[in-house]
């Protein structure tokens, strides 16, 4: 990936007070060819040495605000295998995190079932190379990505620091029919209004097949989301009834209605493109399930800010 393409991928014009305004419409449809504005990154951290995620090297300066489970935290929570949401900017040819949020998809007692593992009633399938599957009966936090069938593709399971149960993902259902995230039934706090299809984090106590939530936080980008003009999102697609027929499982990101996402429906990928209220993804890198193979594909070289695969292995997303 040459410098022009790398900087163009994520809008690497420095966000300073004197930076000239660039009209997004003048930049064309290809995110590899230009852009300006904040960048939202959603994916699983591959390695340390800054935050290496989605084929990107994201610096963590002293001003970066880090939250884990809604509580302000430090860099010790930034470990490989953790799923996270980053609001970043480009400055002086570097990608810098302004805010990092870590919401573990599942926190609760790890149980062995007839078909594998489960937490809070939601099935968990560990990726090749993932650790923590031996913590049966312990209160754990499981990280990873949701699949279309409501299974968590687990990248990391660790002992949880607090005895609270939680689940984070796309809320489905209705007031009359009941609510769910993944394979977990949710009983929401009295008087709280919920919206199907939105990302939510529900916290409370799991009992008799239902998470009795005393707190539900809606939305993924909780600060800085209104400034985003680029997105990098890792995940599996799940079918929906609205055009273009797919969304990212567990995240709720709404794609631009013109996109043809069918070629990517059966696997894991990281998507790149503009954000205008809808995700106009223009490129995707198809990913293996194995952690070691993903690292080999997506780790930037020494001193590089972008993995070569973002150019060499990227596939264009066509319009329908």
C-alpha atoms as a PDB file:
ATOM      1  CA  UNK A   1       0.000   0.000   0.000  1.00  0.00           C
ATOM      2  CA  UNK A   2       1.566   3.289  -1.031  1.00  0.00           C
ATOM      3  CA  UNK A   3       1.364   6.414   1.091  1.00  0.00           C
ATOM      4  CA  UNK A   4      -1.372   8.086  -0.969  1.00  0.00           C
ATOM      5  CA  UNK A   5      -3.648   5.064  -0.747  1.00  0.00           C
ATOM      6  CA  UNK A   6      -2.939   4.462   2.941  1.00  0.00           C
ATOM      7  CA  UNK A   7      -3.716   8.003   3.960  1.00  0.00           C
ATOM      8  CA  UNK A   8      -6.739   8.094   1.705  1.00  0.00           C
ATOM      9  CA  UNK A   9      -8.242   4.981   3.284  1.00  0.00           C
ATOM     10  CA  UNK A  10      -8.999   6.638   6.576  1.00  0.00           C
ATOM     11  CA  UNK A  11      -8.959  10.322   5.732  1.00  0.00           C
ATOM     12  CA  UNK A  12      -5.505  11.180   6.899  1.00  0.00           C
ATOM     13  CA  UNK A  13      -5.673  14.939   6.405  1.00  0.00           C
ATOM     14  CA  UNK A  14      -4.612  16.366   9.765  1.00  0.00           C
ATOM     15  CA  UNK A  15      -7.560  17.467  11.881  1.00  0.00           C
ATOM     16  CA  UNK A  16      -6.205  20.832  12.929  1.00  0.00           C
ATOM     17  CA  UNK A  17      -7.900  24.193  13.213  1.00  0.00           C
ATOM     18  CA  UNK A  18      -6.320  25.363   9.965  1.00  0.00           C
ATOM     19  CA  UNK A  19      -7.115  22.245   7.936  1.00  0.00           C
ATOM     20  CA  UNK A  20      -9.063  23.154   4.799  1.00  0.00           C
ATOM     21  CA  UNK A  21     -12.593  21.830   4.497  1.00  0.00           C
ATOM     22  CA  UNK A  22     -13.076  19.160   1.846  1.00  0.00           C
ATOM     23  CA  UNK A  23     -16.506  18.313   0.515  1.00  0.00           C
ATOM     24  CA  UNK A  24     -17.070  14.584   0.880  1.00  0.00           C
ATOM     25  CA  UNK A  25     -18.891  14.431  -2.437  1.00  0.00           C
ATOM     26  CA  UNK A  26     -15.770  15.622  -4.261  1.00  0.00           C
ATOM     27  CA  UNK A  27     -13.740  12.675  -3.079  1.00  0.00           C
ATOM     28  CA  UNK A  28     -15.432  10.014  -5.171  1.00  0.00           C
ATOM     29  CA  UNK A  29     -16.790   6.666  -4.022  1.00  0.00           C
ATOM     30  CA  UNK A  30     -13.523   4.909  -3.217  1.00  0.00           C
ATOM     31  CA  UNK A  31     -12.318   5.343   0.393  1.00  0.00           C
ATOM     32  CA  UNK A  32      -8.816   4.395  -0.749  1.00  0.00           C
ATOM     33  CA  UNK A  33      -8.723   7.659  -2.703  1.00  0.00           C
ATOM     34  CA  UNK A  34      -9.369  10.325  -0.109  1.00  0.00           C
ATOM     35  CA  UNK A  35     -11.419  11.557   2.815  1.00  0.00           C
ATOM     36  CA  UNK A  36     -11.420  13.741   5.864  1.00  0.00           C
ATOM     37  CA  UNK A  37     -13.006  13.536   9.269  1.00  0.00           C
ATOM     38  CA  UNK A  38     -13.238  11.245  12.243  1.00  0.00           C
ATOM     39  CA  UNK A  39     -12.866   7.481  11.872  1.00  0.00           C
ATOM     40  CA  UNK A  40     -14.913   4.872  13.703  1.00  0.00           C
ATOM     41  CA  UNK A  41     -13.227   1.490  14.163  1.00  0.00           C
ATOM     42  CA  UNK A  42     -15.106  -1.577  15.402  1.00  0.00           C
ATOM     43  CA  UNK A  43     -13.351  -4.906  15.638  1.00  0.00           C
ATOM     44  CA  UNK A  44     -11.203  -7.306  17.651  1.00  0.00           C
ATOM     45  CA  UNK A  45      -7.749  -6.211  18.771  1.00  0.00           C
ATOM     46  CA  UNK A  46      -5.128  -8.434  17.144  1.00  0.00           C
ATOM     47  CA  UNK A  47      -1.960  -7.436  18.975  1.00  0.00           C
ATOM     48  CA  UNK A  48      -0.403  -4.773  21.145  1.00  0.00           C
ATOM     49  CA  UNK A  49       2.233  -2.245  20.187  1.00  0.00           C
ATOM     50  CA  UNK A  50      -0.273   0.587  19.967  1.00  0.00           C
ATOM     51  CA  UNK A  51      -3.681  -0.979  19.211  1.00  0.00           C
ATOM     52  CA  UNK A  52      -3.417  -3.210  16.150  1.00  0.00           C
ATOM     53  CA  UNK A  53      -6.938  -3.775  14.872  1.00  0.00           C
ATOM     54  CA  UNK A  54      -8.623  -4.281  11.471  1.00  0.00           C
ATOM     55  CA  UNK A  55      -5.255  -3.982   9.737  1.00  0.00           C
ATOM     56  CA  UNK A  56      -4.634  -0.568  11.327  1.00  0.00           C
ATOM     57  CA  UNK A  57      -2.109   0.717  13.840  1.00  0.00           C
ATOM     58  CA  UNK A  58      -3.935   3.058  16.229  1.00  0.00           C
ATOM     59  CA  UNK A  59      -1.802   5.125  18.577  1.00  0.00           C
ATOM     60  CA  UNK A  60      -3.029   5.642  22.162  1.00  0.00           C
ATOM     61  CA  UNK A  61      -1.791   9.088  23.297  1.00  0.00           C
ATOM     62  CA  UNK A  62      -2.079  10.333  26.872  1.00  0.00           C
ATOM     63  CA  UNK A  63      -5.338  12.133  26.075  1.00  0.00           C
ATOM     64  CA  UNK A  64      -7.150   8.971  24.896  1.00  0.00           C
ATOM     65  CA  UNK A  65     -10.176   8.198  27.067  1.00  0.00           C
ATOM     66  CA  UNK A  66     -10.591   4.461  27.697  1.00  0.00           C
ATOM     67  CA  UNK A  67     -13.776   2.876  29.055  1.00  0.00           C
ATOM     68  CA  UNK A  68     -14.399  -0.765  29.969  1.00  0.00           C
ATOM     69  CA  UNK A  69     -17.916  -1.773  30.921  1.00  0.00           C
ATOM     70  CA  UNK A  70     -18.868   1.896  31.023  1.00  0.00           C
ATOM     71  CA  UNK A  71     -16.205   2.721  33.611  1.00  0.00           C
ATOM     72  CA  UNK A  72     -13.148   4.834  32.869  1.00  0.00           C
ATOM     73  CA  UNK A  73     -10.087   2.628  32.749  1.00  0.00           C
ATOM     74  CA  UNK A  74      -6.433   2.481  31.703  1.00  0.00           C
ATOM     75  CA  UNK A  75      -4.379   0.883  28.967  1.00  0.00           C
ATOM     76  CA  UNK A  76      -4.165  -2.425  30.872  1.00  0.00           C
ATOM     77  CA  UNK A  77      -7.584  -3.385  29.428  1.00  0.00           C
ATOM     78  CA  UNK A  78      -6.274  -3.126  25.845  1.00  0.00           C
ATOM     79  CA  UNK A  79      -5.324  -6.759  25.275  1.00  0.00           C
ATOM     80  CA  UNK A  80      -5.411  -8.934  22.136  1.00  0.00           C
ATOM     81  CA  UNK A  81      -8.735 -10.670  21.676  1.00  0.00           C
ATOM     82  CA  UNK A  82     -10.798  -7.810  23.084  1.00  0.00           C
ATOM     83  CA  UNK A  83     -13.611  -6.437  20.925  1.00  0.00           C
ATOM     84  CA  UNK A  84     -13.684  -2.649  21.022  1.00  0.00           C
ATOM     85  CA  UNK A  85     -15.077   0.516  19.510  1.00  0.00           C
ATOM     86  CA  UNK A  86     -12.651   3.341  18.736  1.00  0.00           C
ATOM     87  CA  UNK A  87     -13.262   6.925  17.735  1.00  0.00           C
ATOM     88  CA  UNK A  88     -10.036   8.085  16.085  1.00  0.00           C
ATOM     89  CA  UNK A  89      -8.576  10.998  14.166  1.00  0.00           C
ATOM     90  CA  UNK A  90      -5.712  11.302  11.758  1.00  0.00           C
ATOM     91  CA  UNK A  91      -2.952  13.703  12.693  1.00  0.00           C
ATOM     92  CA  UNK A  92       0.584  14.060  11.368  1.00  0.00           C
ATOM     93  CA  UNK A  93       0.234  10.883   9.315  1.00  0.00           C
ATOM     94  CA  UNK A  94      -0.793   8.898  12.382  1.00  0.00           C
ATOM     95  CA  UNK A  95      -4.097   7.393  13.472  1.00  0.00           C
ATOM     96  CA  UNK A  96      -4.811   8.470  17.082  1.00  0.00           C
ATOM     97  CA  UNK A  97      -7.546   7.134  19.354  1.00  0.00           C
ATOM     98  CA  UNK A  98      -9.684   9.790  21.004  1.00  0.00           C
ATOM     99  CA  UNK A  99     -11.935   7.335  22.826  1.00  0.00           C
ATOM    100  CA  UNK A 100     -11.984   3.550  23.215  1.00  0.00           C
ATOM    101  CA  UNK A 101     -15.011   1.642  24.535  1.00  0.00           C
ATOM    102  CA  UNK A 102     -14.857  -2.028  25.499  1.00  0.00           C
ATOM    103  CA  UNK A 103     -18.197  -3.779  26.007  1.00  0.00           C
ATOM    104  CA  UNK A 104     -17.688  -7.517  26.414  1.00  0.00           C
ATOM    105  CA  UNK A 105     -20.463  -9.254  24.446  1.00  0.00           C
ATOM    106  CA  UNK A 106     -21.095 -11.679  27.305  1.00  0.00           C
ATOM    107  CA  UNK A 107     -20.325 -11.560  31.012  1.00  0.00           C
ATOM    108  CA  UNK A 108     -21.633 -14.318  33.270  1.00  0.00           C
ATOM    109  CA  UNK A 109     -21.129 -17.944  34.322  1.00  0.00           C
ATOM    110  CA  UNK A 110     -19.450 -20.085  31.663  1.00  0.00           C
ATOM    111  CA  UNK A 111     -21.432 -23.298  31.272  1.00  0.00           C
ATOM    112  CA  UNK A 112     -20.915 -26.469  29.286  1.00  0.00           C
ATOM    113  CA  UNK A 113     -23.963 -27.573  27.310  1.00  0.00           C
ATOM    114  CA  UNK A 114     -24.806 -30.558  25.130  1.00  0.00           C
ATOM    115  CA  UNK A 115     -23.626 -28.611  22.083  1.00  0.00           C
ATOM    116  CA  UNK A 116     -20.656 -26.697  23.526  1.00  0.00           C
ATOM    117  CA  UNK A 117     -20.332 -23.611  25.728  1.00  0.00           C
ATOM    118  CA  UNK A 118     -22.819 -20.941  26.775  1.00  0.00           C
ATOM    119  CA  UNK A 119     -22.983 -17.768  28.861  1.00  0.00           C
ATOM    120  CA  UNK A 120     -26.317 -16.282  29.944  1.00  0.00           C
ATOM    121  CA  UNK A 121     -28.082 -18.717  27.645  1.00  0.00           C
ATOM    122  CA  UNK A 122     -26.198 -17.573  24.527  1.00  0.00           C
ATOM    123  CA  UNK A 123     -23.999 -20.177  22.800  1.00  0.00           C
ATOM    124  CA  UNK A 124     -20.271 -19.496  22.572  1.00  0.00           C
ATOM    125  CA  UNK A 125     -17.945 -21.108  20.029  1.00  0.00           C
ATOM    126  CA  UNK A 126     -14.272 -20.421  20.635  1.00  0.00           C
ATOM    127  CA  UNK A 127     -12.165 -19.501  17.621  1.00  0.00           C
ATOM    128  CA  UNK A 128      -9.093 -21.597  16.844  1.00  0.00           C
ATOM    129  CA  UNK A 129      -6.362 -20.284  19.134  1.00  0.00           C
ATOM    130  CA  UNK A 130      -8.695 -18.591  21.652  1.00  0.00           C
ATOM    131  CA  UNK A 131      -8.137 -19.181  25.371  1.00  0.00           C
ATOM    132  CA  UNK A 132     -10.440 -19.482  28.378  1.00  0.00           C
ATOM    133  CA  UNK A 133     -12.598 -22.458  27.453  1.00  0.00           C
ATOM    134  CA  UNK A 134     -11.458 -24.275  30.610  1.00  0.00           C
ATOM    135  CA  UNK A 135     -13.080 -21.754  32.990  1.00  0.00           C
ATOM    136  CA  UNK A 136     -16.298 -23.775  33.319  1.00  0.00           C
ATOM    137  CA  UNK A 137     -18.436 -22.662  36.271  1.00  0.00           C
ATOM    138  CA  UNK A 138     -16.517 -19.411  36.718  1.00  0.00           C
ATOM    139  CA  UNK A 139     -17.803 -15.879  36.258  1.00  0.00           C
ATOM    140  CA  UNK A 140     -16.129 -14.700  33.058  1.00  0.00           C
ATOM    141  CA  UNK A 141     -16.118 -11.994  30.405  1.00  0.00           C
ATOM    142  CA  UNK A 142     -16.204 -13.322  26.841  1.00  0.00           C
ATOM    143  CA  UNK A 143     -15.118 -11.171  23.917  1.00  0.00           C
ATOM    144  CA  UNK A 144     -15.509 -11.714  20.192  1.00  0.00           C
ATOM    145  CA  UNK A 145     -18.010 -11.204  17.379  1.00  0.00           C
ATOM    146  CA  UNK A 146     -21.629 -12.278  17.032  1.00  0.00           C
ATOM    147  CA  UNK A 147     -22.634 -14.582  14.199  1.00  0.00           C
ATOM    148  CA  UNK A 148     -25.940 -14.498  12.353  1.00  0.00           C
ATOM    149  CA  UNK A 149     -27.284 -17.516  14.299  1.00  0.00           C
ATOM    150  CA  UNK A 150     -26.857 -15.776  17.675  1.00  0.00           C
ATOM    151  CA  UNK A 151     -23.629 -17.594  18.543  1.00  0.00           C
ATOM    152  CA  UNK A 152     -20.674 -15.633  19.881  1.00  0.00           C
ATOM    153  CA  UNK A 153     -17.460 -16.381  17.998  1.00  0.00           C
ATOM    154  CA  UNK A 154     -15.258 -16.087  21.076  1.00  0.00           C
ATOM    155  CA  UNK A 155     -11.795 -14.570  20.732  1.00  0.00           C
ATOM    156  CA  UNK A 156     -10.974 -14.366  24.457  1.00  0.00           C
ATOM    157  CA  UNK A 157     -12.505 -15.542  27.744  1.00  0.00           C
ATOM    158  CA  UNK A 158     -11.103 -14.182  31.008  1.00  0.00           C
ATOM    159  CA  UNK A 159     -12.230 -14.092  34.624  1.00  0.00           C
ATOM    160  CA  UNK A 160     -14.557 -11.137  35.170  1.00  0.00           C
ATOM    161  CA  UNK A 161     -13.580  -8.625  37.861  1.00  0.00           C
ATOM    162  CA  UNK A 162     -17.163  -8.083  39.111  1.00  0.00           C
ATOM    163  CA  UNK A 163     -20.088 -10.476  39.700  1.00  0.00           C
ATOM    164  CA  UNK A 164     -22.469  -8.583  37.406  1.00  0.00           C
ATOM    165  CA  UNK A 165     -23.958 -10.286  34.330  1.00  0.00           C
ATOM    166  CA  UNK A 166     -24.264  -8.496  30.996  1.00  0.00           C
ATOM    167  CA  UNK A 167     -24.781  -8.887  27.272  1.00  0.00           C
ATOM    168  CA  UNK A 168     -23.942  -6.451  24.468  1.00  0.00           C
ATOM    169  CA  UNK A 169     -25.309  -6.694  20.932  1.00  0.00           C
ATOM    170  CA  UNK A 170     -28.260  -5.928  18.692  1.00  0.00           C
ATOM    171  CA  UNK A 171     -31.581  -5.736  20.500  1.00  0.00           C
ATOM    172  CA  UNK A 172     -34.395  -7.677  18.817  1.00  0.00           C
ATOM    173  CA  UNK A 173     -38.048  -8.199  19.660  1.00  0.00           C
ATOM    174  CA  UNK A 174     -40.825  -5.930  20.869  1.00  0.00           C
ATOM    175  CA  UNK A 175     -42.559  -4.649  23.980  1.00  0.00           C
ATOM    176  CA  UNK A 176     -45.360  -7.173  23.570  1.00  0.00           C
ATOM    177  CA  UNK A 177     -43.311 -10.151  22.417  1.00  0.00           C
ATOM    178  CA  UNK A 178     -40.271  -9.675  24.625  1.00  0.00           C
ATOM    179  CA  UNK A 179     -36.686  -8.621  23.972  1.00  0.00           C
ATOM    180  CA  UNK A 180     -33.514 -10.545  23.201  1.00  0.00           C
ATOM    181  CA  UNK A 181     -29.828  -9.966  22.512  1.00  0.00           C
ATOM    182  CA  UNK A 182     -28.136 -12.947  20.904  1.00  0.00           C
ATOM    183  CA  UNK A 183     -29.660 -16.046  22.475  1.00  0.00           C
ATOM    184  CA  UNK A 184     -30.479 -14.283  25.750  1.00  0.00           C
ATOM    185  CA  UNK A 185     -33.933 -13.117  26.807  1.00  0.00           C
ATOM    186  CA  UNK A 186     -33.921  -9.625  28.375  1.00  0.00           C
ATOM    187  CA  UNK A 187     -36.296  -8.178  30.968  1.00  0.00           C
ATOM    188  CA  UNK A 188     -35.741  -4.440  30.753  1.00  0.00           C
ATOM    189  CA  UNK A 189     -36.134  -1.856  33.542  1.00  0.00           C
ATOM    190  CA  UNK A 190     -39.657  -0.573  34.008  1.00  0.00           C
ATOM    191  CA  UNK A 191     -40.405   2.543  31.988  1.00  0.00           C
ATOM    192  CA  UNK A 192     -37.380   2.335  29.683  1.00  0.00           C
ATOM    193  CA  UNK A 193     -38.098   2.667  25.969  1.00  0.00           C
ATOM    194  CA  UNK A 194     -36.239   0.234  23.705  1.00  0.00           C
ATOM    195  CA  UNK A 195     -35.833   0.063  19.929  1.00  0.00           C
ATOM    196  CA  UNK A 196     -35.379  -3.137  17.951  1.00  0.00           C
ATOM    197  CA  UNK A 197     -32.331  -3.253  15.711  1.00  0.00           C
ATOM    198  CA  UNK A 198     -30.241  -0.945  17.882  1.00  0.00           C
ATOM    199  CA  UNK A 199     -27.015  -1.814  19.664  1.00  0.00           C
ATOM    200  CA  UNK A 200     -27.480  -2.111  23.427  1.00  0.00           C
ATOM    201  CA  UNK A 201     -25.596  -3.160  26.545  1.00  0.00           C
ATOM    202  CA  UNK A 202     -27.832  -4.762  29.175  1.00  0.00           C
ATOM    203  CA  UNK A 203     -26.478  -5.291  32.694  1.00  0.00           C
ATOM    204  CA  UNK A 204     -28.072  -7.050  35.646  1.00  0.00           C
ATOM    205  CA  UNK A 205     -28.523 -10.615  36.884  1.00  0.00           C
ATOM    206  CA  UNK A 206     -29.078 -13.733  34.801  1.00  0.00           C
ATOM    207  CA  UNK A 207     -31.670 -15.994  36.391  1.00  0.00           C
ATOM    208  CA  UNK A 208     -33.854 -18.830  35.094  1.00  0.00           C
ATOM    209  CA  UNK A 209     -33.054 -18.160  31.441  1.00  0.00           C
ATOM    210  CA  UNK A 210     -33.517 -14.381  31.479  1.00  0.00           C
ATOM    211  CA  UNK A 211     -31.197 -11.441  32.087  1.00  0.00           C
ATOM    212  CA  UNK A 212     -32.993  -9.264  34.628  1.00  0.00           C
ATOM    213  CA  UNK A 213     -31.540  -5.937  33.518  1.00  0.00           C
ATOM    214  CA  UNK A 214     -31.380  -2.966  35.847  1.00  0.00           C
ATOM    215  CA  UNK A 215     -29.521  -0.877  33.277  1.00  0.00           C
ATOM    216  CA  UNK A 216     -29.578  -0.783  29.463  1.00  0.00           C
ATOM    217  CA  UNK A 217     -27.341   1.613  27.531  1.00  0.00           C
ATOM    218  CA  UNK A 218     -28.220   2.186  23.882  1.00  0.00           C
ATOM    219  CA  UNK A 219     -25.790   3.040  21.091  1.00  0.00           C
ATOM    220  CA  UNK A 220     -22.221   2.109  20.217  1.00  0.00           C
ATOM    221  CA  UNK A 221     -20.466   5.417  19.512  1.00  0.00           C
ATOM    222  CA  UNK A 222     -21.266   7.237  22.751  1.00  0.00           C
ATOM    223  CA  UNK A 223     -19.044  10.242  22.200  1.00  0.00           C
ATOM    224  CA  UNK A 224     -17.660  11.643  18.972  1.00  0.00           C
ATOM    225  CA  UNK A 225     -19.975   9.623  16.754  1.00  0.00           C
ATOM    226  CA  UNK A 226     -21.471  12.745  15.210  1.00  0.00           C
ATOM    227  CA  UNK A 227     -18.074  13.631  13.702  1.00  0.00           C
ATOM    228  CA  UNK A 228     -17.471  10.291  11.976  1.00  0.00           C
ATOM    229  CA  UNK A 229     -17.012  10.267   8.226  1.00  0.00           C
ATOM    230  CA  UNK A 230     -15.205   6.923   7.814  1.00  0.00           C
ATOM    231  CA  UNK A 231     -15.867   3.471   9.258  1.00  0.00           C
ATOM    232  CA  UNK A 232     -13.821   0.308   9.589  1.00  0.00           C
ATOM    233  CA  UNK A 233     -16.009  -2.530  10.878  1.00  0.00           C
ATOM    234  CA  UNK A 234     -15.151  -6.194  11.409  1.00  0.00           C
ATOM    235  CA  UNK A 235     -17.901  -8.762  11.625  1.00  0.00           C
ATOM    236  CA  UNK A 236     -20.219 -11.366  10.179  1.00  0.00           C
ATOM    237  CA  UNK A 237     -23.272 -10.385   8.148  1.00  0.00           C
ATOM    238  CA  UNK A 238     -26.791 -11.386   9.116  1.00  0.00           C
ATOM    239  CA  UNK A 239     -29.852 -11.174   6.850  1.00  0.00           C
ATOM    240  CA  UNK A 240     -32.543  -8.551   7.547  1.00  0.00           C
ATOM    241  CA  UNK A 241     -35.792  -7.663   5.814  1.00  0.00           C
ATOM    242  CA  UNK A 242     -34.729  -4.115   4.964  1.00  0.00           C
ATOM    243  CA  UNK A 243     -32.628  -3.127   1.938  1.00  0.00           C
ATOM    244  CA  UNK A 244     -29.815  -4.027   1.183  1.00  0.00           C
ATOM    245  CA  UNK A 245     -30.741  -7.244   2.994  1.00  0.00           C
ATOM    246  CA  UNK A 246     -27.872  -7.450   5.502  1.00  0.00           C
ATOM    247  CA  UNK A 247     -26.420  -5.802   8.588  1.00  0.00           C
ATOM    248  CA  UNK A 248     -23.365  -6.593  10.700  1.00  0.00           C
ATOM    249  CA  UNK A 249     -24.415  -9.215  13.251  1.00  0.00           C
ATOM    250  CA  UNK A 250     -24.424  -7.908  16.797  1.00  0.00           C
ATOM    251  CA  UNK A 251     -23.568  -4.335  15.808  1.00  0.00           C
ATOM    252  CA  UNK A 252     -26.628  -2.977  14.032  1.00  0.00           C
ATOM    253  CA  UNK A 253     -24.718  -0.887  11.491  1.00  0.00           C
ATOM    254  CA  UNK A 254     -27.074   0.020   8.637  1.00  0.00           C
ATOM    255  CA  UNK A 255     -25.461  -0.276   5.220  1.00  0.00           C
ATOM    256  CA  UNK A 256     -26.159   2.014   2.306  1.00  0.00           C
ATOM    257  CA  UNK A 257     -29.189   0.591   0.507  1.00  0.00           C
ATOM    258  CA  UNK A 258     -27.445   0.398  -2.874  1.00  0.00           C
ATOM    259  CA  UNK A 259     -24.767  -2.128  -1.867  1.00  0.00           C
ATOM    260  CA  UNK A 260     -24.524  -5.726  -3.040  1.00  0.00           C
ATOM    261  CA  UNK A 261     -23.327  -7.571   0.075  1.00  0.00           C
ATOM    262  CA  UNK A 262     -24.373 -11.081  -0.961  1.00  0.00           C
ATOM    263  CA  UNK A 263     -20.801 -12.133  -1.940  1.00  0.00           C
ATOM    264  CA  UNK A 264     -19.741 -11.603   1.698  1.00  0.00           C
ATOM    265  CA  UNK A 265     -22.750 -13.185   3.387  1.00  0.00           C
ATOM    266  CA  UNK A 266     -21.129 -16.455   4.477  1.00  0.00           C
ATOM    267  CA  UNK A 267     -17.980 -15.319   6.243  1.00  0.00           C
ATOM    268  CA  UNK A 268     -16.094 -12.892   8.391  1.00  0.00           C
ATOM    269  CA  UNK A 269     -14.709  -9.684   6.897  1.00  0.00           C
ATOM    270  CA  UNK A 270     -13.539  -6.194   7.735  1.00  0.00           C
ATOM    271  CA  UNK A 271     -15.368  -3.461   5.831  1.00  0.00           C
ATOM    272  CA  UNK A 272     -14.145   0.038   4.970  1.00  0.00           C
ATOM    273  CA  UNK A 273     -16.049   3.025   3.665  1.00  0.00           C
ATOM    274  CA  UNK A 274     -17.738   6.333   4.248  1.00  0.00           C
ATOM    275  CA  UNK A 275     -20.309   7.034   6.911  1.00  0.00           C
ATOM    276  CA  UNK A 276     -23.145   9.441   6.228  1.00  0.00           C
ATOM    277  CA  UNK A 277     -25.672   8.064   8.681  1.00  0.00           C
ATOM    278  CA  UNK A 278     -25.519   4.871   6.597  1.00  0.00           C
ATOM    279  CA  UNK A 279     -22.384   2.782   6.088  1.00  0.00           C
ATOM    280  CA  UNK A 280     -21.334   3.116   2.436  1.00  0.00           C
ATOM    281  CA  UNK A 281     -18.803   0.282   2.563  1.00  0.00           C
ATOM    282  CA  UNK A 282     -16.713   0.170  -0.627  1.00  0.00           C
ATOM    283  CA  UNK A 283     -14.016  -2.393   0.217  1.00  0.00           C
ATOM    284  CA  UNK A 284     -13.852  -5.602   2.267  1.00  0.00           C
ATOM    285  CA  UNK A 285     -11.045  -7.911   3.315  1.00  0.00           C
ATOM    286  CA  UNK A 286     -12.353 -11.458   3.850  1.00  0.00           C
ATOM    287  CA  UNK A 287     -10.893 -12.954   7.037  1.00  0.00           C
ATOM    288  CA  UNK A 288     -10.160 -16.468   8.315  1.00  0.00           C
ATOM    289  CA  UNK A 289     -11.629 -17.574  11.657  1.00  0.00           C
ATOM    290  CA  UNK A 290      -8.213 -18.560  13.013  1.00  0.00           C
ATOM    291  CA  UNK A 291      -6.627 -15.851  15.153  1.00  0.00           C
ATOM    292  CA  UNK A 292      -3.103 -16.699  14.041  1.00  0.00           C
ATOM    293  CA  UNK A 293      -4.077 -16.503  10.371  1.00  0.00           C
ATOM    294  CA  UNK A 294      -5.840 -13.169  10.908  1.00  0.00           C
ATOM    295  CA  UNK A 295      -2.762 -11.764  12.603  1.00  0.00           C
ATOM    296  CA  UNK A 296      -0.579 -12.881   9.721  1.00  0.00           C
ATOM    297  CA  UNK A 297      -2.938 -11.199   7.261  1.00  0.00           C
ATOM    298  CA  UNK A 298      -3.734  -7.982   9.116  1.00  0.00           C
ATOM    299  CA  UNK A 299      -0.716  -6.985  11.191  1.00  0.00           C
ATOM    300  CA  UNK A 300       1.044  -3.877   9.832  1.00  0.00           C
ATOM    301  CA  UNK A 301       4.772  -4.234   9.310  1.00  0.00           C
ATOM    302  CA  UNK A 302       7.277  -2.593  11.648  1.00  0.00           C
ATOM    303  CA  UNK A 303       6.834   1.154  11.442  1.00  0.00           C
ATOM    304  CA  UNK A 304       3.805   0.822   9.140  1.00  0.00           C
ATOM    305  CA  UNK A 305       0.372   2.231   9.939  1.00  0.00           C
ATOM    306  CA  UNK A 306      -1.570  -0.058   7.574  1.00  0.00           C
ATOM    307  CA  UNK A 307      -1.350  -3.758   6.733  1.00  0.00           C
ATOM    308  CA  UNK A 308      -0.548  -4.488   3.093  1.00  0.00           C
ATOM    309  CA  UNK A 309      -3.663  -6.693   2.939  1.00  0.00           C
ATOM    310  CA  UNK A 310      -5.887  -3.616   3.068  1.00  0.00           C
ATOM    311  CA  UNK A 311      -4.748  -2.986  -0.474  1.00  0.00           C
ATOM    312  CA  UNK A 312      -3.512  -6.360  -1.737  1.00  0.00           C
ATOM    313  CA  UNK A 313      -6.446  -8.477  -0.490  1.00  0.00           C
ATOM    314  CA  UNK A 314      -9.261  -5.930  -0.512  1.00  0.00           C
ATOM    315  CA  UNK A 315     -12.291  -6.754  -2.635  1.00  0.00           C
ATOM    316  CA  UNK A 316     -14.550  -4.007  -4.012  1.00  0.00           C
ATOM    317  CA  UNK A 317     -18.193  -3.911  -2.947  1.00  0.00           C
ATOM    318  CA  UNK A 318     -20.394  -3.307  -5.958  1.00  0.00           C
ATOM    319  CA  UNK A 319     -23.792  -1.662  -6.138  1.00  0.00           C
ATOM    320  CA  UNK A 320     -26.801  -3.888  -6.662  1.00  0.00           C
END
